[in-house]
N, C-alpha and C. Protein backbone atom coordinates (compact mmCIF):
# COMPACT_ATOMS: atom_id res chain seq x y z
N MET A 1 8.54 -4.03 33.90
CA MET A 1 8.43 -2.76 33.21
C MET A 1 7.18 -2.79 32.34
N ASN A 2 6.37 -1.79 32.46
CA ASN A 2 5.16 -1.73 31.63
C ASN A 2 5.41 -0.84 30.41
N HIS A 3 4.38 -0.73 29.56
CA HIS A 3 4.49 0.01 28.31
C HIS A 3 4.86 1.48 28.55
N LYS A 4 4.23 2.10 29.52
CA LYS A 4 4.46 3.51 29.80
C LYS A 4 5.90 3.76 30.23
N SER A 5 6.41 2.94 31.15
CA SER A 5 7.78 3.15 31.62
C SER A 5 8.80 2.81 30.52
N PHE A 6 8.47 1.87 29.65
CA PHE A 6 9.34 1.56 28.52
C PHE A 6 9.44 2.76 27.58
N LEU A 7 8.29 3.39 27.29
CA LEU A 7 8.30 4.58 26.44
C LEU A 7 9.08 5.72 27.09
N GLU A 8 8.98 5.86 28.41
CA GLU A 8 9.74 6.89 29.11
C GLU A 8 11.24 6.66 28.98
N GLN A 9 11.67 5.40 29.10
CA GLN A 9 13.09 5.07 28.95
C GLN A 9 13.57 5.36 27.53
N LEU A 10 12.76 5.04 26.53
CA LEU A 10 13.12 5.35 25.15
C LEU A 10 13.24 6.86 24.95
N GLN A 11 12.32 7.59 25.53
CA GLN A 11 12.32 9.05 25.42
C GLN A 11 13.60 9.63 26.00
N ILE A 12 14.01 9.14 27.15
CA ILE A 12 15.23 9.61 27.80
C ILE A 12 16.46 9.27 26.96
N ARG A 13 16.54 8.02 26.49
CA ARG A 13 17.73 7.58 25.76
C ARG A 13 17.86 8.20 24.38
N LEU A 14 16.73 8.43 23.71
CA LEU A 14 16.78 8.96 22.35
C LEU A 14 16.65 10.48 22.29
N GLY A 15 16.20 11.09 23.37
CA GLY A 15 16.06 12.54 23.39
C GLY A 15 14.97 13.06 22.47
N LYS A 16 13.95 12.26 22.27
CA LYS A 16 12.82 12.65 21.40
C LYS A 16 11.61 12.95 22.28
N ASP A 17 10.61 13.63 21.68
CA ASP A 17 9.42 13.92 22.47
C ASP A 17 8.51 12.68 22.54
N ARG A 18 7.63 12.70 23.51
CA ARG A 18 6.79 11.53 23.81
C ARG A 18 5.92 11.11 22.63
N GLY A 19 5.38 12.06 21.90
CA GLY A 19 4.52 11.73 20.76
C GLY A 19 5.28 11.01 19.66
N GLU A 20 6.51 11.43 19.42
CA GLU A 20 7.33 10.79 18.39
C GLU A 20 7.68 9.36 18.79
N ILE A 21 8.07 9.16 20.05
CA ILE A 21 8.40 7.83 20.56
C ILE A 21 7.17 6.92 20.49
N ASP A 22 6.02 7.45 20.87
CA ASP A 22 4.78 6.67 20.83
C ASP A 22 4.47 6.25 19.39
N GLY A 23 4.71 7.13 18.44
CA GLY A 23 4.50 6.81 17.03
C GLY A 23 5.42 5.71 16.55
N TYR A 24 6.70 5.77 16.95
CA TYR A 24 7.65 4.73 16.59
C TYR A 24 7.22 3.37 17.15
N MET A 25 6.84 3.37 18.43
CA MET A 25 6.43 2.11 19.06
C MET A 25 5.16 1.55 18.43
N SER A 26 4.20 2.40 18.13
CA SER A 26 2.97 1.95 17.50
C SER A 26 3.26 1.33 16.14
N ALA A 27 4.13 1.97 15.36
CA ALA A 27 4.49 1.45 14.04
C ALA A 27 5.22 0.11 14.18
N PHE A 28 6.15 0.03 15.13
CA PHE A 28 6.90 -1.20 15.37
C PHE A 28 5.97 -2.35 15.73
N LEU A 29 5.08 -2.11 16.67
CA LEU A 29 4.16 -3.16 17.11
C LEU A 29 3.19 -3.56 16.00
N GLN A 30 2.75 -2.60 15.20
CA GLN A 30 1.85 -2.90 14.09
C GLN A 30 2.54 -3.80 13.06
N ILE A 31 3.79 -3.50 12.75
CA ILE A 31 4.56 -4.33 11.81
C ILE A 31 4.73 -5.74 12.38
N MET A 32 5.05 -5.83 13.67
CA MET A 32 5.20 -7.15 14.31
C MET A 32 3.91 -7.94 14.22
N LYS A 33 2.78 -7.32 14.52
CA LYS A 33 1.48 -8.00 14.46
C LYS A 33 1.19 -8.49 13.06
N GLU A 34 1.41 -7.63 12.06
CA GLU A 34 1.12 -8.00 10.67
C GLU A 34 1.98 -9.17 10.21
N ARG A 35 3.28 -9.12 10.52
CA ARG A 35 4.18 -10.18 10.07
C ARG A 35 3.87 -11.50 10.78
N CYS A 36 3.57 -11.45 12.06
CA CYS A 36 3.23 -12.67 12.79
C CYS A 36 1.91 -13.25 12.29
N ALA A 37 0.95 -12.38 11.94
CA ALA A 37 -0.32 -12.84 11.40
C ALA A 37 -0.14 -13.52 10.05
N GLN A 38 0.93 -13.16 9.33
CA GLN A 38 1.24 -13.78 8.05
C GLN A 38 2.12 -15.02 8.22
N MET A 39 2.29 -15.45 9.47
CA MET A 39 3.06 -16.64 9.83
C MET A 39 4.56 -16.48 9.54
N ASP A 40 5.06 -15.24 9.55
CA ASP A 40 6.48 -14.98 9.36
C ASP A 40 7.19 -14.99 10.71
N VAL A 41 8.43 -15.44 10.71
CA VAL A 41 9.27 -15.35 11.90
C VAL A 41 9.87 -13.95 11.92
N VAL A 42 9.76 -13.26 13.06
CA VAL A 42 10.32 -11.92 13.20
C VAL A 42 11.55 -12.03 14.09
N SER A 43 12.72 -11.74 13.49
CA SER A 43 13.98 -11.82 14.23
C SER A 43 14.52 -10.42 14.46
N ILE A 44 14.94 -10.16 15.69
CA ILE A 44 15.54 -8.88 16.05
C ILE A 44 16.97 -9.17 16.50
N GLN A 45 17.92 -8.69 15.70
CA GLN A 45 19.33 -8.94 15.95
C GLN A 45 19.71 -8.57 17.37
N GLY A 46 20.37 -9.49 18.08
CA GLY A 46 20.83 -9.22 19.44
C GLY A 46 19.76 -9.37 20.50
N PHE A 47 18.53 -9.67 20.12
CA PHE A 47 17.44 -9.81 21.09
C PHE A 47 16.83 -11.20 21.04
N GLY A 48 16.29 -11.58 19.88
CA GLY A 48 15.68 -12.88 19.75
C GLY A 48 14.71 -12.92 18.59
N SER A 49 13.92 -13.99 18.53
CA SER A 49 12.96 -14.12 17.43
C SER A 49 11.59 -14.55 17.96
N PHE A 50 10.58 -14.08 17.26
CA PHE A 50 9.19 -14.41 17.55
C PHE A 50 8.67 -15.28 16.42
N GLU A 51 8.14 -16.45 16.76
CA GLU A 51 7.68 -17.38 15.73
C GLU A 51 6.27 -17.86 16.05
N PRO A 52 5.34 -17.66 15.11
CA PRO A 52 3.99 -18.20 15.30
C PRO A 52 4.04 -19.73 15.16
N LYS A 53 3.39 -20.42 16.08
CA LYS A 53 3.35 -21.88 16.05
C LYS A 53 1.93 -22.34 16.31
N LYS A 54 1.61 -23.49 15.75
CA LYS A 54 0.29 -24.07 15.96
C LYS A 54 0.38 -25.07 17.11
N LYS A 55 -0.42 -24.86 18.12
CA LYS A 55 -0.50 -25.77 19.25
C LYS A 55 -1.60 -26.78 18.93
N LEU A 56 -1.28 -28.05 18.96
CA LEU A 56 -2.21 -29.09 18.54
C LEU A 56 -3.36 -29.29 19.52
N GLU A 57 -4.42 -29.89 19.00
CA GLU A 57 -5.57 -30.26 19.82
C GLU A 57 -5.12 -31.28 20.86
N ARG A 58 -5.67 -31.18 22.08
CA ARG A 58 -5.26 -32.11 23.13
C ARG A 58 -6.41 -32.34 24.11
N VAL A 59 -6.28 -33.42 24.87
CA VAL A 59 -7.27 -33.77 25.89
C VAL A 59 -6.68 -33.41 27.24
N VAL A 60 -7.45 -32.70 28.06
CA VAL A 60 -7.03 -32.35 29.42
C VAL A 60 -8.05 -32.89 30.40
N VAL A 61 -7.63 -33.03 31.65
CA VAL A 61 -8.52 -33.53 32.70
C VAL A 61 -8.68 -32.45 33.76
N ASN A 62 -9.93 -32.11 34.08
CA ASN A 62 -10.22 -31.16 35.14
C ASN A 62 -9.92 -31.87 36.46
N PRO A 63 -8.96 -31.38 37.24
CA PRO A 63 -8.58 -32.08 38.48
C PRO A 63 -9.70 -32.10 39.53
N ALA A 64 -10.57 -31.12 39.52
CA ALA A 64 -11.64 -31.06 40.52
C ALA A 64 -12.73 -32.09 40.24
N THR A 65 -13.07 -32.25 38.96
CA THR A 65 -14.18 -33.15 38.62
C THR A 65 -13.72 -34.45 37.98
N GLY A 66 -12.51 -34.51 37.49
CA GLY A 66 -12.02 -35.69 36.81
C GLY A 66 -12.56 -35.79 35.38
N LYS A 67 -13.28 -34.78 34.96
CA LYS A 67 -13.89 -34.79 33.63
C LYS A 67 -12.83 -34.47 32.57
N ARG A 68 -12.86 -35.25 31.48
CA ARG A 68 -11.94 -35.04 30.36
C ARG A 68 -12.56 -34.04 29.39
N MET A 69 -11.72 -33.13 28.90
CA MET A 69 -12.20 -32.11 27.96
C MET A 69 -11.23 -32.03 26.78
N LEU A 70 -11.76 -31.69 25.63
CA LEU A 70 -10.96 -31.52 24.44
C LEU A 70 -10.65 -30.03 24.26
N VAL A 71 -9.36 -29.70 24.19
CA VAL A 71 -8.93 -28.32 23.97
C VAL A 71 -8.63 -28.19 22.47
N PRO A 72 -9.31 -27.28 21.79
CA PRO A 72 -9.10 -27.15 20.35
C PRO A 72 -7.70 -26.61 20.01
N PRO A 73 -7.25 -26.82 18.78
CA PRO A 73 -5.94 -26.28 18.39
C PRO A 73 -5.98 -24.75 18.36
N LYS A 74 -4.81 -24.15 18.57
CA LYS A 74 -4.75 -22.69 18.53
C LYS A 74 -3.35 -22.26 18.11
N MET A 75 -3.26 -21.00 17.70
CA MET A 75 -1.98 -20.42 17.33
C MET A 75 -1.39 -19.70 18.54
N ILE A 76 -0.08 -19.88 18.73
CA ILE A 76 0.62 -19.19 19.81
C ILE A 76 1.83 -18.47 19.22
N LEU A 77 2.38 -17.53 19.94
CA LEU A 77 3.57 -16.83 19.51
C LEU A 77 4.70 -17.24 20.45
N ALA A 78 5.69 -17.95 19.91
CA ALA A 78 6.81 -18.42 20.70
C ALA A 78 7.98 -17.45 20.58
N PHE A 79 8.67 -17.22 21.68
CA PHE A 79 9.85 -16.34 21.69
C PHE A 79 11.08 -17.18 21.96
N LYS A 80 12.11 -16.99 21.14
CA LYS A 80 13.38 -17.66 21.34
C LYS A 80 14.43 -16.57 21.56
N PRO A 81 14.99 -16.48 22.75
CA PRO A 81 15.96 -15.41 23.02
C PRO A 81 17.25 -15.61 22.22
N GLY A 82 17.88 -14.49 21.88
CA GLY A 82 19.16 -14.52 21.17
C GLY A 82 20.29 -14.85 22.12
N SER A 83 21.46 -15.10 21.56
CA SER A 83 22.60 -15.50 22.38
C SER A 83 23.04 -14.41 23.36
N ALA A 84 22.89 -13.14 22.97
CA ALA A 84 23.28 -12.05 23.87
C ALA A 84 22.40 -12.03 25.11
N ILE A 85 21.11 -12.25 24.93
CA ILE A 85 20.17 -12.28 26.07
C ILE A 85 20.46 -13.50 26.95
N LYS A 86 20.69 -14.65 26.32
CA LYS A 86 20.99 -15.87 27.08
C LYS A 86 22.23 -15.69 27.94
N THR A 87 23.27 -15.10 27.36
CA THR A 87 24.52 -14.87 28.09
C THR A 87 24.29 -13.95 29.28
N LYS A 88 23.53 -12.88 29.06
CA LYS A 88 23.25 -11.91 30.13
C LYS A 88 22.49 -12.59 31.27
N LEU A 89 21.49 -13.42 30.93
CA LEU A 89 20.71 -14.11 31.95
C LEU A 89 21.54 -15.13 32.70
N LYS A 90 22.44 -15.80 32.02
CA LYS A 90 23.32 -16.77 32.70
C LYS A 90 24.21 -16.06 33.70
N MET A 91 24.73 -14.88 33.32
CA MET A 91 25.57 -14.11 34.24
C MET A 91 24.78 -13.69 35.46
N LEU A 92 23.52 -13.29 35.28
CA LEU A 92 22.70 -12.86 36.41
C LEU A 92 22.36 -14.03 37.33
N SER A 93 22.12 -15.20 36.75
CA SER A 93 21.73 -16.34 37.58
C SER A 93 22.91 -16.94 38.34
N SER A 94 24.14 -16.69 37.89
CA SER A 94 25.30 -17.26 38.56
C SER A 94 25.77 -16.39 39.73
N LYS A 95 25.19 -15.22 39.88
CA LYS A 95 25.60 -14.33 41.00
C LYS A 95 25.03 -14.78 42.30
């Protein structure tokens, strides 16, 4: 599902016009970006949590050339699904 189809589903379920839904999503995403940039964990009840983490510097080897390279440290955003999502996925995988 892409952004456009997600907004369409929200529009159908909430019965709001497209501009209003787009405004809600823009505000939601902006808040998420700001909080993650401040290194805060963002938890959404029943869905999961987003946590900024620092990935350490590491050495990798290019398989084609065998040359070793140093990959600098970087920040990543890790997602941990909530128990409701985990349960739903387990039910789907057992079918």
